[in-house]
N, C-alpha and C. Protein backbone atom coordinates (compact mmCIF):
# COMPACT_ATOMS: atom_id res chain seq x y z
N MET A 1 -4.41 -1.24 10.87
CA MET A 1 -5.21 -1.57 9.78
C MET A 1 -5.92 -0.25 9.37
N PRO A 2 -5.78 -0.08 8.04
CA PRO A 2 -6.34 1.29 7.35
C PRO A 2 -7.85 1.31 7.62
N ASP A 3 -8.32 2.53 7.76
CA ASP A 3 -9.76 2.78 8.14
C ASP A 3 -10.75 2.24 6.87
N MET A 4 -10.18 2.23 5.69
CA MET A 4 -11.18 1.90 4.71
C MET A 4 -11.16 0.32 4.74
N LYS A 5 -10.21 -0.28 5.04
CA LYS A 5 -10.04 -1.93 5.02
C LYS A 5 -11.12 -2.27 6.22
N LYS A 6 -10.93 -1.54 7.30
CA LYS A 6 -11.84 -1.67 8.54
C LYS A 6 -13.35 -1.65 8.02
N LYS A 7 -13.49 -0.52 7.43
CA LYS A 7 -14.85 -0.18 7.04
C LYS A 7 -15.40 -1.51 5.91
N TYR A 8 -14.59 -1.80 5.12
CA TYR A 8 -15.02 -2.91 4.14
C TYR A 8 -15.27 -4.22 5.01
N ASN A 9 -14.49 -4.62 6.00
CA ASN A 9 -14.62 -5.71 6.62
C ASN A 9 -15.81 -5.74 7.48
N ASP A 10 -15.94 -4.50 8.31
CA ASP A 10 -17.12 -4.52 9.31
C ASP A 10 -18.47 -4.18 8.74
N GLU A 11 -18.52 -3.33 7.70
CA GLU A 11 -19.82 -2.60 7.25
C GLU A 11 -20.16 -3.27 5.75
N VAL A 12 -19.16 -3.10 4.90
CA VAL A 12 -19.45 -3.33 3.50
C VAL A 12 -19.84 -4.67 3.17
N ARG A 13 -18.98 -5.66 3.73
CA ARG A 13 -19.00 -7.09 3.34
C ARG A 13 -20.42 -7.56 3.70
N PRO A 14 -20.90 -7.31 4.91
CA PRO A 14 -22.24 -8.03 5.35
C PRO A 14 -23.45 -7.37 4.64
N ALA A 15 -23.12 -5.96 4.27
CA ALA A 15 -24.24 -5.09 3.56
C ALA A 15 -24.42 -5.75 2.28
N LEU A 16 -23.19 -6.01 1.35
CA LEU A 16 -23.16 -6.42 0.10
C LEU A 16 -23.72 -7.94 0.12
N GLN A 17 -23.34 -8.80 0.95
CA GLN A 17 -23.81 -10.04 0.96
C GLN A 17 -25.36 -10.15 1.19
N ALA A 18 -25.98 -9.26 2.07
CA ALA A 18 -27.44 -9.21 1.95
C ALA A 18 -27.96 -8.64 0.80
N LYS A 19 -27.36 -7.50 0.30
CA LYS A 19 -28.13 -6.91 -0.95
C LYS A 19 -28.02 -7.62 -2.12
N LEU A 20 -26.96 -8.52 -2.44
CA LEU A 20 -26.74 -9.32 -3.45
C LEU A 20 -27.19 -10.74 -3.54
N GLY A 21 -27.73 -10.89 -2.20
CA GLY A 21 -28.28 -12.20 -1.85
C GLY A 21 -27.17 -13.29 -2.02
N LEU A 22 -25.93 -13.29 -1.63
CA LEU A 22 -24.75 -14.20 -1.91
C LEU A 22 -24.84 -15.12 -0.61
N LYS A 23 -24.77 -16.47 -0.92
CA LYS A 23 -24.62 -17.46 0.12
C LYS A 23 -23.30 -17.61 0.61
N ASN A 24 -22.42 -17.73 -0.20
CA ASN A 24 -20.99 -17.99 -0.02
C ASN A 24 -20.22 -16.72 0.19
N VAL A 25 -19.38 -16.54 1.24
CA VAL A 25 -18.70 -15.34 1.65
C VAL A 25 -17.72 -15.11 0.59
N MET A 26 -17.12 -16.06 -0.11
CA MET A 26 -16.04 -15.88 -1.08
C MET A 26 -16.71 -15.18 -2.29
N GLU A 27 -17.99 -15.18 -2.56
CA GLU A 27 -18.51 -14.61 -3.72
C GLU A 27 -18.71 -13.12 -3.47
N ILE A 28 -18.57 -12.42 -2.17
CA ILE A 28 -18.65 -11.08 -2.01
C ILE A 28 -17.53 -10.39 -2.94
N PRO A 29 -18.00 -9.29 -3.58
CA PRO A 29 -17.02 -8.50 -4.35
C PRO A 29 -16.28 -7.85 -3.53
N LYS A 30 -14.88 -7.77 -3.84
CA LYS A 30 -13.93 -7.09 -3.01
C LYS A 30 -12.91 -6.32 -4.08
N LEU A 31 -12.17 -5.38 -3.51
CA LEU A 31 -11.14 -4.50 -4.32
C LEU A 31 -9.86 -5.17 -4.27
N THR A 32 -9.44 -5.79 -5.27
CA THR A 32 -8.10 -6.51 -5.45
C THR A 32 -6.80 -5.62 -5.65
N LYS A 33 -6.86 -4.77 -6.40
CA LYS A 33 -5.79 -3.85 -6.66
C LYS A 33 -6.21 -2.39 -7.36
N ILE A 34 -5.48 -1.48 -7.00
CA ILE A 34 -5.56 -0.04 -7.85
C ILE A 34 -4.23 0.00 -8.54
N VAL A 35 -4.52 0.46 -9.92
CA VAL A 35 -3.39 0.71 -10.78
C VAL A 35 -3.38 2.23 -11.03
N ILE A 36 -2.46 3.07 -10.78
CA ILE A 36 -2.21 4.29 -10.99
C ILE A 36 -1.28 4.38 -12.11
N SER A 37 -1.64 5.05 -13.39
CA SER A 37 -0.61 5.16 -14.58
C SER A 37 -0.84 6.58 -15.16
N THR A 38 0.25 6.88 -15.91
CA THR A 38 0.18 8.10 -16.55
C THR A 38 0.97 7.83 -17.67
N GLY A 39 0.61 8.65 -18.92
CA GLY A 39 1.36 8.65 -20.11
C GLY A 39 2.16 9.96 -20.09
N ILE A 40 3.50 9.88 -20.45
CA ILE A 40 4.45 10.90 -20.66
C ILE A 40 4.72 10.96 -22.10
N GLY A 41 4.34 12.02 -22.73
CA GLY A 41 4.52 12.39 -24.18
C GLY A 41 5.94 12.18 -24.61
N SER A 42 6.24 11.38 -25.84
CA SER A 42 7.69 11.35 -26.24
C SER A 42 8.41 12.49 -26.55
N LYS A 43 7.76 13.74 -26.67
CA LYS A 43 8.50 14.93 -26.92
C LYS A 43 8.75 15.70 -25.87
N MET A 44 8.10 15.35 -24.53
CA MET A 44 8.36 15.85 -23.15
C MET A 44 9.90 16.04 -22.80
N GLU A 45 10.24 16.71 -22.04
CA GLU A 45 11.69 16.78 -21.69
C GLU A 45 11.96 15.87 -20.41
N LYS A 46 13.25 15.41 -20.32
CA LYS A 46 13.55 14.57 -19.43
C LYS A 46 13.23 14.95 -18.04
N ASP A 47 13.37 16.31 -17.65
CA ASP A 47 12.92 16.63 -16.25
C ASP A 47 11.28 16.60 -16.11
N ALA A 48 10.56 16.48 -16.90
CA ALA A 48 9.18 16.29 -16.83
C ALA A 48 8.72 14.59 -16.54
N PHE A 49 9.57 13.86 -17.05
CA PHE A 49 9.60 12.54 -16.68
C PHE A 49 10.06 12.26 -15.09
N ALA A 50 11.05 12.83 -14.76
CA ALA A 50 11.54 12.99 -13.36
C ALA A 50 10.52 13.41 -12.56
N GLU A 51 9.80 14.62 -12.97
CA GLU A 51 8.85 15.12 -11.96
C GLU A 51 7.65 14.20 -11.74
N ALA A 52 7.25 13.57 -12.93
CA ALA A 52 6.15 12.80 -12.78
C ALA A 52 6.49 11.66 -12.01
N ARG A 53 7.68 11.12 -12.02
CA ARG A 53 8.09 10.04 -11.08
C ARG A 53 7.97 10.27 -9.67
N THR A 54 8.37 11.53 -9.35
CA THR A 54 8.48 11.91 -7.83
C THR A 54 7.00 12.14 -7.28
N HIS A 55 6.02 12.65 -8.23
CA HIS A 55 4.52 13.02 -8.05
C HIS A 55 3.95 11.66 -7.76
N ILE A 56 4.15 10.57 -8.74
CA ILE A 56 3.39 9.41 -8.48
C ILE A 56 3.94 8.50 -7.34
N THR A 57 5.29 8.71 -6.96
CA THR A 57 5.66 8.08 -5.86
C THR A 57 5.22 8.73 -4.58
N ALA A 58 4.99 10.11 -4.66
CA ALA A 58 4.45 10.69 -3.33
C ALA A 58 2.98 10.09 -3.09
N LEU A 59 2.15 10.06 -4.23
CA LEU A 59 0.87 9.55 -4.31
C LEU A 59 0.73 8.17 -3.82
N ALA A 60 1.50 7.44 -4.56
CA ALA A 60 1.37 5.90 -4.12
C ALA A 60 2.04 5.33 -2.95
N GLY A 61 3.10 5.99 -2.60
CA GLY A 61 3.95 5.49 -1.42
C GLY A 61 4.87 4.48 -1.74
N GLN A 62 5.05 4.24 -3.14
CA GLN A 62 6.04 3.38 -3.69
C GLN A 62 6.48 3.61 -5.02
N ALA A 63 7.64 3.39 -5.65
CA ALA A 63 8.26 3.73 -6.77
C ALA A 63 7.31 3.25 -7.99
N PRO A 64 7.21 4.03 -9.10
CA PRO A 64 6.36 3.41 -10.14
C PRO A 64 7.25 2.57 -11.09
N VAL A 65 6.88 1.85 -12.06
CA VAL A 65 7.48 1.16 -13.11
C VAL A 65 7.59 2.03 -14.43
N VAL A 66 8.70 2.04 -15.02
CA VAL A 66 8.59 2.76 -16.28
C VAL A 66 8.19 1.83 -17.45
N CYS A 67 7.18 2.36 -18.26
CA CYS A 67 6.67 1.75 -19.29
C CYS A 67 7.39 2.09 -20.62
N LYS A 68 7.84 1.28 -21.38
CA LYS A 68 8.34 1.60 -22.64
C LYS A 68 7.62 1.23 -23.93
N SER A 69 7.88 1.82 -24.85
CA SER A 69 7.30 1.69 -26.31
C SER A 69 7.68 0.28 -26.73
N ARG A 70 6.82 -0.30 -27.50
CA ARG A 70 7.15 -1.59 -28.02
C ARG A 70 7.54 -1.59 -29.47
N LYS A 71 6.96 -0.47 -29.98
CA LYS A 71 7.22 -0.45 -31.50
C LYS A 71 7.72 0.95 -32.00
N ASN A 72 8.31 0.91 -33.29
CA ASN A 72 8.65 2.26 -33.72
C ASN A 72 7.47 2.77 -34.45
N ILE A 73 7.07 4.05 -34.07
CA ILE A 73 5.88 4.66 -34.79
C ILE A 73 6.42 6.15 -35.36
N ALA A 74 6.72 6.12 -36.60
CA ALA A 74 7.34 7.28 -37.21
C ALA A 74 6.58 8.62 -37.02
N ASN A 75 5.10 8.54 -37.18
CA ASN A 75 4.25 9.54 -37.04
C ASN A 75 4.36 10.43 -35.65
N PHE A 76 4.61 9.54 -34.69
CA PHE A 76 4.70 10.06 -33.42
C PHE A 76 6.13 10.28 -32.89
N LYS A 77 7.19 10.01 -33.90
CA LYS A 77 8.54 10.20 -33.44
C LYS A 77 8.88 9.31 -32.25
N LEU A 78 8.41 8.11 -32.32
CA LEU A 78 8.62 6.97 -31.24
C LEU A 78 9.48 6.15 -31.74
N ARG A 79 10.28 5.61 -30.78
CA ARG A 79 11.31 4.41 -31.15
C ARG A 79 10.91 3.48 -30.07
N ALA A 80 11.08 2.13 -30.36
CA ALA A 80 10.97 1.11 -29.48
C ALA A 80 11.88 1.17 -28.40
N GLY A 81 11.47 0.88 -27.40
CA GLY A 81 12.34 1.10 -25.96
C GLY A 81 12.27 2.30 -25.43
N GLN A 82 11.53 3.51 -25.83
CA GLN A 82 11.49 4.74 -25.53
C GLN A 82 10.72 4.80 -24.31
N SER A 83 11.00 5.50 -23.33
CA SER A 83 10.11 5.54 -22.05
C SER A 83 8.88 6.40 -22.32
N VAL A 84 7.66 5.84 -22.22
CA VAL A 84 6.55 6.52 -22.56
C VAL A 84 5.53 6.91 -21.35
N GLY A 85 5.72 6.18 -20.06
CA GLY A 85 4.68 6.30 -19.22
C GLY A 85 5.28 5.63 -17.98
N LEU A 86 4.52 5.89 -16.81
CA LEU A 86 4.69 5.38 -15.64
C LEU A 86 3.53 4.71 -14.99
N MET A 87 3.72 3.60 -14.29
CA MET A 87 2.54 2.67 -13.74
C MET A 87 3.17 2.21 -12.18
N VAL A 88 2.03 2.23 -11.42
CA VAL A 88 2.34 1.67 -10.12
C VAL A 88 1.14 0.90 -9.69
N THR A 89 1.17 -0.39 -9.17
CA THR A 89 0.02 -1.13 -8.74
C THR A 89 0.01 -1.30 -7.20
N LEU A 90 -1.05 -0.94 -6.57
CA LEU A 90 -1.06 -0.90 -5.19
C LEU A 90 -2.10 -2.09 -4.76
N ARG A 91 -1.68 -2.80 -3.81
CA ARG A 91 -2.53 -3.82 -3.07
C ARG A 91 -2.25 -3.81 -1.62
N GLY A 92 -3.33 -4.54 -0.98
CA GLY A 92 -3.04 -4.43 0.49
C GLY A 92 -3.41 -3.24 1.20
N ASP A 93 -2.72 -2.94 2.21
CA ASP A 93 -2.94 -1.72 3.12
C ASP A 93 -2.58 -0.54 2.28
N ARG A 94 -1.49 -0.48 1.45
CA ARG A 94 -1.42 0.77 0.68
C ARG A 94 -2.46 1.11 -0.27
N MET A 95 -3.23 0.16 -0.76
CA MET A 95 -4.35 0.34 -1.74
C MET A 95 -5.31 0.85 -0.85
N TYR A 96 -5.86 0.35 0.33
CA TYR A 96 -6.89 1.14 1.20
C TYR A 96 -6.30 2.52 1.52
N GLN A 97 -5.11 2.62 1.86
CA GLN A 97 -4.70 3.99 2.32
C GLN A 97 -4.91 5.15 1.19
N PHE A 98 -4.60 4.61 -0.05
CA PHE A 98 -4.66 5.58 -1.24
C PHE A 98 -6.02 5.65 -1.54
N LEU A 99 -6.92 4.73 -1.44
CA LEU A 99 -8.54 5.10 -1.53
C LEU A 99 -9.01 5.86 -0.60
N ASP A 100 -8.56 5.78 0.77
CA ASP A 100 -9.15 6.67 1.74
C ASP A 100 -8.77 8.10 1.31
N ARG A 101 -7.45 8.35 0.86
CA ARG A 101 -7.01 9.81 0.62
C ARG A 101 -7.79 10.21 -0.51
N LEU A 102 -7.97 9.43 -1.50
CA LEU A 102 -8.75 9.67 -2.75
C LEU A 102 -10.09 10.21 -2.45
N VAL A 103 -10.74 9.52 -1.77
CA VAL A 103 -12.17 9.63 -1.53
C VAL A 103 -12.43 10.76 -0.41
N HIS A 104 -11.58 10.77 0.54
CA HIS A 104 -11.80 11.88 1.68
C HIS A 104 -11.01 13.08 1.73
N ASN A 105 -9.93 12.90 0.77
CA ASN A 105 -9.05 14.23 0.88
C ASN A 105 -9.03 14.86 -0.57
N ALA A 106 -9.02 14.14 -1.57
CA ALA A 106 -8.84 14.70 -3.00
C ALA A 106 -10.08 15.18 -3.60
N PHE A 107 -11.02 13.98 -3.60
CA PHE A 107 -12.39 14.54 -4.38
C PHE A 107 -13.02 15.85 -3.67
N PRO A 108 -12.85 16.07 -2.35
CA PRO A 108 -13.42 17.31 -1.88
C PRO A 108 -12.72 18.74 -2.08
N ARG A 109 -11.47 18.38 -2.69
CA ARG A 109 -10.66 19.67 -3.06
C ARG A 109 -11.02 19.93 -4.58
N ILE A 110 -11.63 19.26 -5.29
CA ILE A 110 -12.09 19.74 -6.68
C ILE A 110 -13.14 20.67 -6.83
N ARG A 111 -12.84 21.61 -7.42
CA ARG A 111 -13.63 22.87 -7.61
C ARG A 111 -14.75 22.47 -8.29
N ASP A 112 -16.29 22.84 -8.10
CA ASP A 112 -17.31 22.49 -8.73
C ASP A 112 -17.58 20.93 -8.79
N PHE A 113 -17.23 20.18 -7.80
CA PHE A 113 -17.23 18.79 -8.06
C PHE A 113 -18.59 18.29 -7.86
N ARG A 114 -19.16 17.50 -8.81
CA ARG A 114 -20.59 17.07 -8.98
C ARG A 114 -20.48 15.74 -8.78
N GLY A 115 -19.42 14.96 -8.42
CA GLY A 115 -19.34 13.46 -8.40
C GLY A 115 -18.67 12.85 -9.51
N ILE A 116 -18.21 11.60 -9.57
CA ILE A 116 -17.52 10.92 -10.42
C ILE A 116 -18.34 10.38 -11.54
N PRO A 117 -18.07 10.23 -12.89
CA PRO A 117 -18.83 9.68 -13.74
C PRO A 117 -19.06 8.19 -13.56
N LYS A 118 -20.49 7.72 -13.96
CA LYS A 118 -20.68 6.38 -13.78
C LYS A 118 -20.24 5.49 -15.07
N LYS A 119 -19.73 6.16 -15.95
CA LYS A 119 -19.30 5.51 -17.32
C LYS A 119 -18.16 4.72 -17.12
N GLY A 120 -17.29 4.82 -16.26
CA GLY A 120 -16.15 4.29 -16.25
C GLY A 120 -15.96 2.64 -16.17
N PHE A 121 -17.02 1.96 -16.03
CA PHE A 121 -16.96 0.51 -15.87
C PHE A 121 -16.84 -0.28 -17.26
N ASP A 122 -15.95 -1.28 -17.21
CA ASP A 122 -15.77 -1.96 -18.32
C ASP A 122 -16.32 -3.26 -18.62
N HIS A 123 -17.72 -3.53 -18.02
CA HIS A 123 -18.47 -4.75 -18.07
C HIS A 123 -18.03 -5.99 -17.52
N VAL A 124 -16.84 -5.93 -16.93
CA VAL A 124 -16.56 -7.28 -16.17
C VAL A 124 -16.33 -6.92 -14.72
N GLY A 125 -16.81 -5.64 -14.06
CA GLY A 125 -16.64 -5.17 -12.79
C GLY A 125 -15.31 -4.44 -12.50
N ASN A 126 -14.71 -3.73 -13.33
CA ASN A 126 -13.57 -2.86 -13.03
C ASN A 126 -14.01 -1.44 -13.35
N TYR A 127 -13.38 -0.46 -12.76
CA TYR A 127 -13.67 0.95 -12.94
C TYR A 127 -12.43 1.75 -13.20
N ASN A 128 -12.61 2.64 -14.06
CA ASN A 128 -11.52 3.47 -14.60
C ASN A 128 -11.90 4.88 -14.27
N LEU A 129 -10.97 5.69 -13.86
CA LEU A 129 -11.27 7.13 -13.36
C LEU A 129 -9.99 7.91 -13.86
N GLY A 130 -10.33 8.93 -14.57
CA GLY A 130 -9.33 9.91 -14.94
C GLY A 130 -9.21 10.88 -14.22
N VAL A 131 -8.04 11.36 -13.57
CA VAL A 131 -7.99 12.55 -12.77
C VAL A 131 -7.03 13.53 -13.58
N PRO A 132 -7.63 14.69 -14.02
CA PRO A 132 -6.95 15.55 -14.99
C PRO A 132 -5.67 16.26 -14.41
N ASP A 133 -5.73 16.53 -13.14
CA ASP A 133 -4.55 17.22 -12.49
C ASP A 133 -4.23 16.63 -11.00
N VAL A 134 -3.09 16.47 -10.69
CA VAL A 134 -2.59 15.74 -9.70
C VAL A 134 -2.48 16.56 -8.43
N SER A 135 -2.82 17.94 -8.58
CA SER A 135 -2.73 18.97 -7.65
C SER A 135 -3.78 18.93 -6.63
N ILE A 136 -4.80 18.01 -6.91
CA ILE A 136 -5.92 17.91 -5.78
C ILE A 136 -5.40 17.07 -4.71
N PHE A 137 -4.34 16.25 -4.82
CA PHE A 137 -3.83 15.47 -3.76
C PHE A 137 -2.99 16.46 -3.01
N THR A 138 -3.09 16.01 -1.52
CA THR A 138 -2.42 16.85 -0.39
C THR A 138 -0.90 16.52 -0.44
N GLU A 139 -0.64 15.30 -1.07
CA GLU A 139 0.85 15.05 -0.92
C GLU A 139 1.62 15.75 -1.97
N ILE A 140 1.06 16.26 -2.87
CA ILE A 140 1.76 17.19 -4.00
C ILE A 140 2.00 18.43 -3.68
N ASP A 141 3.27 19.13 -3.58
CA ASP A 141 3.45 20.39 -3.36
C ASP A 141 3.26 21.23 -4.54
N LEU A 142 2.22 22.18 -4.44
CA LEU A 142 1.86 23.02 -5.52
C LEU A 142 3.03 23.94 -6.02
N ASP A 143 3.97 24.20 -5.32
CA ASP A 143 5.11 25.10 -5.74
C ASP A 143 6.03 24.34 -6.58
N LYS A 144 6.12 22.80 -6.35
CA LYS A 144 7.09 22.04 -7.25
C LYS A 144 6.41 21.57 -8.54
N ILE A 145 5.20 21.93 -8.96
CA ILE A 145 4.68 21.60 -10.18
C ILE A 145 5.06 22.33 -11.24
N LYS A 146 5.73 21.88 -12.17
CA LYS A 146 6.36 22.58 -13.28
C LYS A 146 5.55 22.16 -14.55
N TYR A 147 5.37 20.95 -14.66
CA TYR A 147 4.71 20.31 -15.78
C TYR A 147 3.30 19.77 -15.46
N PRO A 148 2.05 20.05 -15.95
CA PRO A 148 0.86 19.37 -15.68
C PRO A 148 0.84 17.93 -15.93
N LEU A 149 0.09 17.24 -15.00
CA LEU A 149 0.24 15.69 -14.98
C LEU A 149 -1.10 15.30 -14.63
N GLY A 150 -1.74 14.51 -15.47
CA GLY A 150 -2.91 13.80 -15.20
C GLY A 150 -2.70 12.38 -14.96
N ILE A 151 -3.69 11.66 -14.29
CA ILE A 151 -3.56 10.24 -14.00
C ILE A 151 -4.60 9.50 -14.34
N ASN A 152 -4.45 8.16 -14.56
CA ASN A 152 -5.56 7.19 -14.62
C ASN A 152 -5.50 6.30 -13.54
N VAL A 153 -6.60 6.04 -12.97
CA VAL A 153 -6.73 5.27 -11.86
C VAL A 153 -7.77 4.23 -12.02
N THR A 154 -7.11 2.75 -12.06
CA THR A 154 -8.09 1.77 -12.36
C THR A 154 -8.26 1.00 -10.99
N PHE A 155 -9.48 0.78 -10.64
CA PHE A 155 -10.09 -0.05 -9.65
C PHE A 155 -10.43 -1.45 -10.11
N VAL A 156 -9.68 -2.46 -9.71
CA VAL A 156 -9.99 -3.69 -10.13
C VAL A 156 -10.59 -4.57 -8.92
N THR A 157 -11.68 -4.99 -9.43
CA THR A 157 -12.64 -5.75 -8.34
C THR A 157 -12.80 -7.18 -8.78
N THR A 158 -13.29 -7.94 -7.69
CA THR A 158 -13.63 -9.43 -8.18
C THR A 158 -15.10 -9.68 -8.60
N ALA A 159 -15.82 -8.38 -8.64
CA ALA A 159 -17.19 -8.37 -9.04
C ALA A 159 -17.32 -8.92 -10.45
N LYS A 160 -18.60 -9.74 -10.67
CA LYS A 160 -18.67 -10.18 -11.97
C LYS A 160 -19.48 -9.15 -12.95
N THR A 161 -20.24 -8.30 -12.25
CA THR A 161 -20.88 -7.49 -13.02
C THR A 161 -20.65 -6.02 -12.72
N ASP A 162 -21.03 -4.99 -13.52
CA ASP A 162 -20.89 -3.56 -13.27
C ASP A 162 -21.66 -3.17 -12.07
N ALA A 163 -22.86 -3.83 -12.13
CA ALA A 163 -23.84 -3.38 -11.09
C ALA A 163 -23.24 -3.78 -9.56
N ALA A 164 -22.66 -4.92 -9.46
CA ALA A 164 -22.16 -5.35 -8.22
C ALA A 164 -20.84 -4.41 -7.88
N ALA A 165 -20.03 -4.17 -8.76
CA ALA A 165 -18.99 -3.43 -8.70
C ALA A 165 -19.34 -1.96 -8.15
N LYS A 166 -20.42 -1.30 -8.96
CA LYS A 166 -20.84 -0.10 -8.54
C LYS A 166 -21.40 -0.02 -7.06
N GLU A 167 -21.99 -1.08 -6.80
CA GLU A 167 -22.56 -1.24 -5.18
C GLU A 167 -21.43 -1.33 -4.41
N LEU A 168 -20.28 -2.02 -4.65
CA LEU A 168 -19.16 -2.08 -3.95
C LEU A 168 -18.48 -0.61 -3.59
N LEU A 169 -18.32 0.03 -4.79
CA LEU A 169 -17.63 1.39 -4.64
C LEU A 169 -18.58 2.41 -4.11
N ALA A 170 -19.80 2.23 -4.22
CA ALA A 170 -20.70 3.33 -3.73
C ALA A 170 -20.68 3.12 -2.08
N MET A 171 -20.60 1.82 -1.65
CA MET A 171 -20.57 1.43 -0.21
C MET A 171 -19.37 1.85 0.45
N MET A 172 -18.35 2.00 -0.47
CA MET A 172 -16.78 2.52 -0.06
C MET A 172 -16.87 3.96 -0.02
N ASP A 173 -17.77 4.61 -0.22
CA ASP A 173 -18.10 6.16 -0.22
C ASP A 173 -17.60 6.89 -1.52
N PHE A 174 -17.57 6.10 -2.52
CA PHE A 174 -17.35 6.87 -3.82
C PHE A 174 -18.48 7.82 -4.22
N PRO A 175 -18.38 9.09 -4.35
CA PRO A 175 -19.27 9.80 -4.78
C PRO A 175 -19.53 9.88 -6.22
N PHE A 176 -20.52 8.91 -6.75
CA PHE A 176 -21.06 8.81 -8.06
C PHE A 176 -21.91 10.06 -8.29
N ALA A 177 -21.84 10.65 -9.57
CA ALA A 177 -22.75 11.61 -10.02
C ALA A 177 -24.12 11.13 -9.94
N LYS A 178 -25.08 11.98 -9.82
CA LYS A 178 -26.58 11.57 -9.73
C LYS A 178 -27.00 11.56 -11.14
């Protein structure tokens, strides 16, 4: 069992139930999935796409899905069916392992880190976080980075409000900015 899952079950659930005043244990907010995605520009070279795929596979522990464009957009030189991004959805133990590596390994490696912004909530209990450079993760070999890659990480929770989701993530050791 991953450490973060154990922490959630042993410490966070009872504390959240007491803090939010919930009677039913099924109402306690929990993390359901983490979605890691990145957009690859249509003008980027083919090897940039392959490099992004290997980096996201190393981060997530599973292969990403290729996202394709749905429409032709002439101004962006984009054709329908053209590969434009990568996405991977983590659930269960892999989700908690990624969360542990993000919070305890990646965030401390960011230079001049003052915490993650509180603005990423979407009013229904989910949180979005942009990571401008994947080199903060220990799984990525810095010598193999040829093209810079940023990722978007979405934390999907069962919380009904942003306040409950923020409390959940804060108890899971998220370093929110003061």
